[in-house]
Amino acid sequence: MQEKTKQLKFNTSIQEEEIKYFTAFSFLYCDTFFKAKLLEYFNYSAKMAFLADEKDLEGFSLHYDITVPRSFISKRNKLNVDKCFEKAFQDKNIKIVTYNDENYPQFLKHIPDFPLALFYKGNLENIDYNYSLAVVGSRRASTDAQNGLYKILSNFKNSNITIVSGLAYGIDATAHKASLDNNIKTLGVIGSGLDFYYPAQNKYLYDKIVSENGAIISEYPTGTEPIARNFPMRNRIVVGMTKGTLVAEAQMKSGAMISGNLALEYNKELMCIPGNILNPNTQGIYHLIKQGAGIVSTSEDILNIMGWENKCKLSKNDENEKIGELNDTQKAIINEIALEAKSFDEIINNIELDTPSLMVNLTELELLGFIKQVNNRYYKL
C-alpha cells in the first residue's frame, strides 16, 4: 500500500511538470505545424520537445523533412518555464487541457497543426464530440440569416448536441445565444488570451457561457491580444474539434469561407444555409454548395446529413399548435406575410379587412411573438 502511494505521487509530479512545458510552448510563438510535429517526434512529451538540443532537432528535421524555424532555439531560451506557468494561471478560474488529457477534443488530434494545449474557463467535461457542430458565418449577417439560424438551432433544445463557434458578432453570437436560450451546450473559441473580452459587446455571452456549463477556449495564454492573424488560426480549432460545420452567410473572402474550406480539407461534414442570391454574403454559400456542401433549411436536415436521426431528439415544435389557436383573421395575416414582409396597406388590400380590425390583430400577433414591425412600415414573421 505504501509503495502505491509513492508511485501515485511520482506520476502526479511528472504530470505537473509536463503541464508547465505545455504552458511554456503556448508562449512560444512559432509555426503551429512545427510545434505539433515536434511533440509527435518526442512521443508527446512536452518537456522533451521543449528542451530538445541541436542534435535532437537535426534528427527531427531529417525525419520529417521539416526545417526548424531559425528563431526557435533563441526564443525558447529566453522563456522561463516557471514564470510562463505563473503568468498563464494568475486567474485561478483558468484551466488547461493538454494533448495527453482525456478531455482534449479527440477530433482535434487529427488535424495537422493541432494545438498542443487549450486554456479554458468553464467546463469541458461530459461533452460528446461525436455530436458537436461548428457554426460559422458573417459578422455582418442579415436579420433573416440570424433568425433562420436561431430557429434551426432552437429545435435542438435539451439535446446532447454541442454548438461550437467563435464568439464574434453576427452568426457566432446568434449560435451561442440560441444555445444558451435552449439548454444546449456551447463552446466559444477565441483568438486571444482568456483575459480579453473581444468583441467587448459579447462580454455577456462570454460570462453566460462560462456560468452555464459551457466553456470559453483559447490556445493563447493570458496577455495575448486579439490581433488579426490569430483569428484564422482560431478557425482551425472551431472546425477541427467538431464533427461537422454549418455555414450561415459568407462572402467569398471571409473567415467563414476559410472555415468552410477547412471543413472540406479535414474531411468533415459541411452544410450551408441558403439565402437571398442578391445578398453578397451568400456568394460563398453557393460556392460551397457547388463543391458538395449539404443544404440546410431545417433542423432535420442537420440530423440527416450528420447521421444523428435516431440518436438526437428534437424538441417538440409547438409553433403549429400555437398557430392553431389563432383566429381566422390572424391566420390569414400570417399566411399573407409568410414569404416576405408587407406594408399595412398591402395586407389590408389583399385580405379585405377594415383598418381597426387589422390594427388590433397585428398588435395581438406582435405581442404573441409571431410577427414584428420593421422600418415602422413593414410586417414580417
Protein backbone atom coordinates (compact mmCIF):
# COMPACT_ATOMS: atom_id res chain seq x y z
CA MET A 1 0.00 0.00 0.00
CA GLN A 2 2.82 2.34 0.89
CA GLU A 3 4.57 1.59 -2.40
CA LYS A 4 1.45 2.51 -4.43
CA THR A 5 1.16 5.86 -2.67
CA LYS A 6 4.74 6.78 -3.57
CA GLN A 7 4.14 5.79 -7.19
CA LEU A 8 0.99 7.92 -7.37
CA LYS A 9 2.80 10.99 -6.06
CA PHE A 10 5.61 10.42 -8.55
CA ASN A 11 3.22 10.24 -11.50
CA THR A 12 1.41 13.37 -10.35
CA SER A 13 4.64 15.35 -10.19
CA ILE A 14 5.58 14.21 -13.70
CA GLN A 15 2.19 15.36 -14.96
CA GLU A 16 2.55 18.76 -13.30
CA GLU A 17 5.99 19.17 -14.87
CA GLU A 18 4.60 18.29 -18.30
CA ILE A 19 1.83 20.86 -17.89
CA LYS A 20 4.45 23.53 -17.23
CA TYR A 21 6.19 22.71 -20.50
CA PHE A 22 2.91 22.57 -22.42
CA THR A 23 2.19 26.02 -21.00
CA ALA A 24 5.63 27.31 -21.97
CA PHE A 25 5.02 26.13 -25.54
CA SER A 26 1.94 28.36 -25.70
CA PHE A 27 4.20 31.39 -25.13
CA LEU A 28 6.48 30.21 -27.94
CA TYR A 29 5.09 32.00 -30.98
CA CYS A 30 6.21 29.95 -33.95
CA ASP A 31 4.65 27.73 -36.61
CA THR A 32 1.87 25.58 -35.14
CA PHE A 33 2.53 22.68 -37.53
CA PHE A 34 6.16 22.62 -36.44
CA LYS A 35 5.18 22.50 -32.76
CA ALA A 36 2.67 19.70 -33.40
CA LYS A 37 5.21 17.56 -35.27
CA LEU A 38 7.87 18.27 -32.66
CA LEU A 39 5.58 16.97 -29.91
CA GLU A 40 4.81 13.91 -32.01
CA TYR A 41 8.52 13.22 -32.63
CA PHE A 42 9.26 13.27 -28.91
CA ASN A 43 6.48 10.80 -28.13
CA TYR A 44 4.11 13.56 -26.96
CA SER A 45 6.39 14.64 -24.11
CA ALA A 46 6.22 18.43 -23.92
CA LYS A 47 9.34 18.58 -21.76
CA MET A 48 11.47 16.54 -24.15
CA ALA A 49 10.20 18.55 -27.13
CA PHE A 50 10.79 21.88 -25.42
CA LEU A 51 14.31 21.00 -24.24
CA ALA A 52 15.48 19.41 -27.50
CA ASP A 53 19.10 20.26 -28.27
CA GLU A 54 20.54 20.98 -31.71
CA LYS A 55 21.38 17.33 -32.35
CA ASP A 56 17.83 16.26 -31.44
CA LEU A 57 16.40 18.96 -33.70
CA GLU A 58 18.63 17.86 -36.55
CA GLY A 59 17.26 14.32 -36.22
CA PHE A 60 13.72 15.72 -36.12
CA SER A 61 14.33 17.78 -39.26
CA LEU A 62 15.71 14.78 -41.17
CA HIS A 63 12.87 12.52 -40.03
CA TYR A 64 10.06 14.81 -41.18
CA ASP A 65 11.89 16.85 -43.80
CA ILE A 66 10.83 19.95 -41.89
CA THR A 67 13.07 22.98 -41.43
CA VAL A 68 13.36 24.05 -37.80
CA PRO A 69 12.43 27.75 -37.52
CA ARG A 70 15.61 29.81 -37.12
CA SER A 71 14.32 31.63 -34.10
CA PHE A 72 13.07 28.53 -32.26
CA ILE A 73 16.11 27.99 -30.03
CA SER A 74 16.70 31.68 -29.29
CA LYS A 75 13.02 32.29 -28.43
CA ARG A 76 12.85 29.15 -26.32
CA ASN A 77 15.99 30.03 -24.39
CA LYS A 78 14.51 33.40 -23.43
CA LEU A 79 11.49 31.78 -21.78
CA ASN A 80 11.38 30.95 -18.09
CA VAL A 81 9.12 27.91 -17.77
CA ASP A 82 8.06 28.65 -14.19
CA LYS A 83 7.27 32.30 -14.96
CA CYS A 84 5.23 31.29 -18.01
CA PHE A 85 3.21 28.95 -15.83
CA GLU A 86 2.71 31.61 -13.18
CA LYS A 87 1.55 34.19 -15.72
CA ALA A 88 -0.82 31.80 -17.50
CA PHE A 89 -2.67 30.90 -14.33
CA GLN A 90 -2.79 34.18 -12.44
CA ASP A 91 -6.54 33.92 -12.87
CA LYS A 92 -7.44 30.84 -10.80
CA ASN A 93 -10.50 30.22 -12.99
CA ILE A 94 -8.31 29.40 -15.99
CA LYS A 95 -7.71 25.70 -16.61
CA ILE A 96 -5.70 23.80 -19.19
CA VAL A 97 -6.30 20.66 -21.20
CA THR A 98 -3.25 19.19 -22.96
CA TYR A 99 -2.93 16.84 -25.90
CA ASN A 100 -2.39 13.98 -23.45
CA ASP A 101 -5.56 14.63 -21.39
CA GLU A 102 -8.72 12.58 -21.82
CA ASN A 103 -10.82 15.76 -22.09
CA TYR A 104 -8.82 17.04 -25.07
CA PRO A 105 -11.24 17.10 -28.06
CA GLN A 106 -10.47 13.85 -29.86
CA PHE A 107 -11.13 15.11 -33.40
CA LEU A 108 -8.69 17.97 -32.88
CA LYS A 109 -5.85 15.45 -32.64
CA HIS A 110 -6.37 14.56 -36.29
CA ILE A 111 -5.68 17.97 -37.84
CA PRO A 112 -2.06 18.51 -38.97
CA ASP A 113 -1.40 21.60 -36.85
CA PHE A 114 -3.29 20.66 -33.69
CA PRO A 115 -2.77 22.94 -30.66
CA LEU A 116 -0.57 21.33 -28.03
CA ALA A 117 -2.85 22.59 -25.27
CA LEU A 118 -6.00 24.63 -24.76
CA PHE A 119 -6.69 27.09 -21.97
CA TYR A 120 -10.31 27.38 -20.93
CA LYS A 121 -12.81 28.78 -18.48
CA GLY A 122 -15.92 26.78 -17.72
CA ASN A 123 -16.49 23.08 -18.19
CA LEU A 124 -15.14 20.68 -20.81
CA GLU A 125 -16.27 17.52 -19.09
CA ASN A 126 -19.05 15.23 -20.35
CA ILE A 127 -19.01 16.65 -23.87
CA ASP A 128 -19.61 14.07 -26.58
CA TYR A 129 -17.75 15.45 -29.58
CA ASN A 130 -19.48 12.88 -31.78
CA TYR A 131 -22.46 15.25 -31.53
CA SER A 132 -20.62 18.53 -31.96
CA LEU A 133 -21.42 21.12 -34.61
CA ALA A 134 -19.33 24.13 -35.63
CA VAL A 135 -21.40 27.15 -36.65
CA VAL A 136 -19.66 29.91 -38.63
CA GLY A 137 -20.77 32.85 -40.71
CA SER A 138 -20.66 36.53 -41.41
CA ARG A 139 -20.07 39.13 -38.71
CA ARG A 140 -22.45 41.38 -40.67
CA ALA A 141 -25.14 38.79 -41.07
CA SER A 142 -28.58 39.72 -42.32
CA THR A 143 -31.52 39.63 -39.94
CA ASP A 144 -33.04 36.80 -41.97
CA ALA A 145 -29.90 34.67 -41.63
CA GLN A 146 -29.72 35.23 -37.88
CA ASN A 147 -33.42 34.50 -37.38
CA GLY A 148 -33.24 31.39 -39.55
CA LEU A 149 -30.19 30.06 -37.72
CA TYR A 150 -31.76 30.77 -34.34
CA LYS A 151 -34.89 28.84 -35.30
CA ILE A 152 -32.92 25.86 -36.63
CA LEU A 153 -30.72 25.60 -33.55
CA SER A 154 -33.61 26.15 -31.14
CA ASN A 155 -35.07 22.82 -32.23
CA PHE A 156 -32.09 21.10 -30.60
CA LYS A 157 -33.38 22.24 -27.21
CA ASN A 158 -32.25 19.99 -24.32
CA SER A 159 -30.42 17.66 -26.74
CA ASN A 160 -26.91 16.20 -26.38
CA ILE A 161 -25.57 18.32 -29.26
CA THR A 162 -22.77 20.80 -28.55
CA ILE A 163 -22.56 24.01 -30.61
CA VAL A 164 -19.06 25.42 -31.18
CA SER A 165 -18.47 28.90 -32.57
CA GLY A 166 -16.07 31.84 -32.41
CA LEU A 167 -17.86 34.35 -30.16
CA ALA A 168 -17.73 37.03 -32.87
CA TYR A 169 -20.51 39.38 -33.98
CA GLY A 170 -23.36 38.19 -36.17
CA ILE A 171 -23.71 34.46 -36.80
CA ASP A 172 -21.35 33.40 -33.99
CA ALA A 173 -23.24 35.41 -31.40
CA THR A 174 -26.57 34.09 -32.68
CA ALA A 175 -25.33 30.49 -32.43
CA HIS A 176 -24.23 30.96 -28.84
CA LYS A 177 -27.41 32.83 -27.87
CA ALA A 178 -29.66 30.16 -29.39
CA SER A 179 -27.70 27.53 -27.46
CA LEU A 180 -27.92 29.35 -24.15
CA ASP A 181 -31.64 30.06 -24.58
CA ASN A 182 -32.37 26.39 -25.28
CA ASN A 183 -30.18 24.49 -22.82
CA ILE A 184 -27.70 23.39 -25.49
CA LYS A 185 -24.05 23.10 -24.53
CA THR A 186 -21.92 25.66 -26.32
CA LEU A 187 -18.18 26.32 -26.59
CA GLY A 188 -16.69 29.64 -27.68
CA VAL A 189 -13.21 29.57 -29.21
CA ILE A 190 -11.47 32.94 -29.14
CA GLY A 191 -8.39 34.42 -30.80
CA SER A 192 -6.82 35.98 -27.72
CA GLY A 193 -5.93 35.20 -24.15
CA LEU A 194 -8.84 34.47 -21.83
CA ASP A 195 -8.29 37.81 -20.12
CA PHE A 196 -9.70 39.67 -23.14
CA TYR A 197 -13.37 40.22 -23.96
CA TYR A 198 -13.43 40.58 -27.72
CA PRO A 199 -15.59 41.99 -29.08
CA ALA A 200 -16.43 43.84 -25.88
CA GLN A 201 -20.15 43.80 -26.69
CA ASN A 202 -20.15 39.99 -26.34
CA LYS A 203 -18.93 40.05 -22.75
CA TYR A 204 -22.36 38.95 -21.54
CA LEU A 205 -22.19 35.89 -23.82
CA TYR A 206 -18.68 35.07 -22.61
CA ASP A 207 -19.76 35.21 -18.95
CA LYS A 208 -23.03 33.36 -19.53
CA ILE A 209 -21.35 30.52 -21.43
CA VAL A 210 -18.87 30.04 -18.58
CA SER A 211 -21.57 30.14 -15.90
CA GLU A 212 -23.99 27.83 -17.70
CA ASN A 213 -21.87 24.71 -18.12
CA GLY A 214 -20.18 25.70 -21.38
CA ALA A 215 -16.62 26.88 -21.91
CA ILE A 216 -14.54 29.64 -23.47
CA ILE A 217 -11.43 28.16 -25.10
CA SER A 218 -8.15 29.53 -26.45
CA GLU A 219 -4.76 28.17 -27.43
CA TYR A 220 -3.31 31.55 -26.45
CA PRO A 221 -2.08 32.32 -22.94
CA THR A 222 -3.05 35.25 -20.74
CA GLY A 223 -1.85 38.56 -22.16
CA THR A 224 -2.27 37.63 -25.85
CA GLU A 225 -4.13 40.43 -27.60
CA PRO A 226 -6.87 39.74 -30.19
CA ILE A 227 -4.80 40.55 -33.27
CA ALA A 228 -5.95 39.77 -36.82
CA ARG A 229 -3.61 36.84 -37.53
CA ASN A 230 -4.99 34.89 -34.56
CA PHE A 231 -8.48 34.51 -35.96
CA PRO A 232 -7.77 32.26 -38.97
CA MET A 233 -5.81 30.08 -36.53
CA ARG A 234 -8.81 30.10 -34.19
CA ASN A 235 -10.99 28.88 -37.08
CA ARG A 236 -8.99 25.65 -37.46
CA ILE A 237 -9.84 24.79 -33.83
CA VAL A 238 -13.57 25.54 -34.23
CA VAL A 239 -13.75 23.28 -37.28
CA GLY A 240 -11.18 20.74 -36.17
CA MET A 241 -12.75 19.89 -32.82
CA THR A 242 -16.23 19.24 -34.23
CA LYS A 243 -17.94 16.52 -36.24
CA GLY A 244 -19.44 18.86 -38.84
CA THR A 245 -19.62 22.52 -39.86
CA LEU A 246 -22.65 24.68 -40.65
CA VAL A 247 -22.08 27.92 -42.58
CA ALA A 248 -24.70 30.67 -42.42
CA GLU A 249 -23.77 33.53 -44.80
CA ALA A 250 -20.23 34.04 -46.05
CA GLN A 251 -18.64 36.37 -48.55
CA MET A 252 -16.12 34.80 -50.91
CA LYS A 253 -13.19 36.29 -49.00
CA SER A 254 -14.03 35.83 -45.33
CA GLY A 255 -13.19 33.92 -42.19
CA ALA A 256 -16.33 31.84 -42.69
CA MET A 257 -15.04 30.72 -46.10
CA ILE A 258 -11.72 29.80 -44.51
CA SER A 259 -13.67 27.64 -42.06
CA GLY A 260 -15.76 26.09 -44.84
CA ASN A 261 -12.66 25.18 -46.83
CA LEU A 262 -11.02 23.76 -43.70
CA ALA A 263 -14.04 21.51 -43.19
CA LEU A 264 -13.51 20.13 -46.69
CA GLU A 265 -9.78 19.77 -46.09
CA TYR A 266 -10.36 17.93 -42.79
CA ASN A 267 -12.98 15.68 -44.43
CA LYS A 268 -15.75 16.96 -42.15
CA GLU A 269 -19.43 17.16 -42.99
CA LEU A 270 -20.05 20.61 -44.46
CA MET A 271 -23.51 22.22 -44.58
CA CYS A 272 -24.81 25.62 -45.66
CA ILE A 273 -27.99 27.61 -45.09
CA PRO A 274 -29.00 29.09 -48.48
CA GLY A 275 -30.12 32.71 -48.69
CA ASN A 276 -31.08 35.59 -50.93
CA ILE A 277 -28.91 35.47 -54.09
CA LEU A 278 -28.80 39.29 -54.13
CA ASN A 279 -27.05 39.33 -50.76
CA PRO A 280 -23.23 39.39 -51.20
CA ASN A 281 -22.98 37.29 -48.02
CA THR A 282 -24.46 34.34 -49.92
CA GLN A 283 -21.77 34.22 -52.63
CA GLY A 284 -19.60 31.99 -50.50
CA ILE A 285 -22.58 29.85 -49.51
CA TYR A 286 -23.47 28.93 -53.08
CA HIS A 287 -19.81 28.37 -53.93
CA LEU A 288 -19.58 25.81 -51.11
CA ILE A 289 -22.86 24.18 -52.16
CA LYS A 290 -21.45 23.73 -55.67
CA GLN A 291 -18.49 22.00 -54.06
CA GLY A 292 -20.80 19.50 -52.42
CA ALA A 293 -21.88 21.12 -49.15
CA GLY A 294 -25.24 19.90 -47.85
CA ILE A 295 -28.20 22.28 -47.90
CA VAL A 296 -29.85 23.05 -44.56
CA SER A 297 -33.23 24.70 -44.14
CA THR A 298 -34.45 22.75 -41.10
CA SER A 299 -33.03 21.08 -38.01
CA GLU A 300 -33.94 17.71 -39.51
CA ASP A 301 -31.57 18.41 -42.41
CA ILE A 302 -28.66 18.61 -39.99
CA LEU A 303 -29.67 15.37 -38.29
CA ASN A 304 -29.96 13.59 -41.63
CA ILE A 305 -26.65 14.83 -43.01
CA MET A 306 -24.81 14.09 -39.78
CA GLY A 307 -26.46 10.69 -39.32
CA TRP A 308 -27.88 11.72 -35.96
CA GLU A 309 -31.55 10.99 -36.74
CA ASN A 310 -32.03 8.18 -34.24
CA LYS A 311 -29.58 9.48 -31.65
CA CYS A 312 -30.71 13.07 -31.04
CA LYS A 313 -34.24 14.03 -30.12
CA LEU A 314 -35.51 17.33 -31.42
CA SER A 315 -37.52 19.43 -29.04
CA LYS A 316 -41.23 19.37 -29.69
CA ASN A 317 -42.06 22.19 -32.07
CA ASP A 318 -45.26 23.70 -30.68
CA GLU A 319 -45.37 26.58 -33.18
CA ASN A 320 -48.03 24.86 -35.28
CA GLU A 321 -50.08 24.23 -32.16
CA LYS A 322 -49.90 27.93 -31.28
CA ILE A 323 -50.95 28.92 -34.80
CA GLY A 324 -53.94 26.59 -34.45
CA GLU A 325 -55.12 28.69 -31.51
CA LEU A 326 -55.23 31.92 -33.57
CA ASN A 327 -58.41 33.32 -35.08
CA ASP A 328 -59.06 33.15 -38.83
CA THR A 329 -58.02 36.76 -39.42
CA GLN A 330 -54.70 36.26 -37.65
CA LYS A 331 -54.03 33.08 -39.64
CA ALA A 332 -54.79 34.99 -42.85
CA ILE A 333 -52.28 37.72 -41.86
CA ILE A 334 -49.55 35.15 -41.15
CA ASN A 335 -50.23 33.45 -44.48
CA GLU A 336 -50.05 36.81 -46.27
CA ILE A 337 -46.58 37.70 -44.96
CA ALA A 338 -45.20 34.15 -44.91
CA LEU A 339 -42.87 34.72 -47.90
CA GLU A 340 -41.93 38.38 -47.47
CA ALA A 341 -42.55 41.46 -45.38
CA LYS A 342 -45.54 43.58 -46.42
CA SER A 343 -46.85 47.00 -45.55
CA PHE A 344 -50.07 47.74 -43.70
CA ASP A 345 -51.71 48.89 -46.96
CA GLU A 346 -50.67 45.72 -48.83
CA ILE A 347 -52.06 43.50 -46.11
CA ILE A 348 -55.38 45.33 -45.85
CA ASN A 349 -55.87 45.30 -49.64
CA ASN A 350 -55.08 41.59 -50.01
CA ILE A 351 -57.20 40.22 -47.17
CA GLU A 352 -60.02 42.79 -47.39
CA LEU A 353 -60.13 43.76 -43.75
CA ASP A 354 -61.19 47.06 -42.19
CA THR A 355 -58.47 49.23 -40.65
CA PRO A 356 -59.46 48.94 -36.92
CA SER A 357 -59.68 45.13 -37.11
CA LEU A 358 -56.31 44.83 -38.85
CA MET A 359 -54.62 47.10 -36.30
CA VAL A 360 -55.99 45.04 -33.39
CA ASN A 361 -54.94 41.73 -34.90
CA LEU A 362 -51.47 42.96 -35.88
CA THR A 363 -50.93 44.20 -32.34
CA GLU A 364 -52.02 40.86 -30.86
CA LEU A 365 -49.72 38.93 -33.22
CA GLU A 366 -46.80 41.16 -32.22
CA LEU A 367 -47.49 40.60 -28.52
CA LEU A 368 -47.68 36.85 -29.10
CA GLY A 369 -44.30 36.93 -30.85
CA PHE A 370 -45.47 35.78 -34.28
CA ILE A 371 -44.64 38.95 -36.21
CA LYS A 372 -42.66 42.14 -35.86
CA GLN A 373 -42.67 45.54 -37.49
CA VAL A 374 -39.61 46.68 -39.43
CA ASN A 375 -38.77 50.20 -40.57
CA ASN A 376 -42.02 51.38 -38.94
CA ARG A 377 -43.84 50.27 -42.08
CA TYR A 378 -43.50 46.58 -42.91
CA TYR A 379 -44.64 43.49 -41.02
CA LYS A 380 -42.75 40.20 -41.20
CA LEU A 381 -42.77 36.84 -39.44
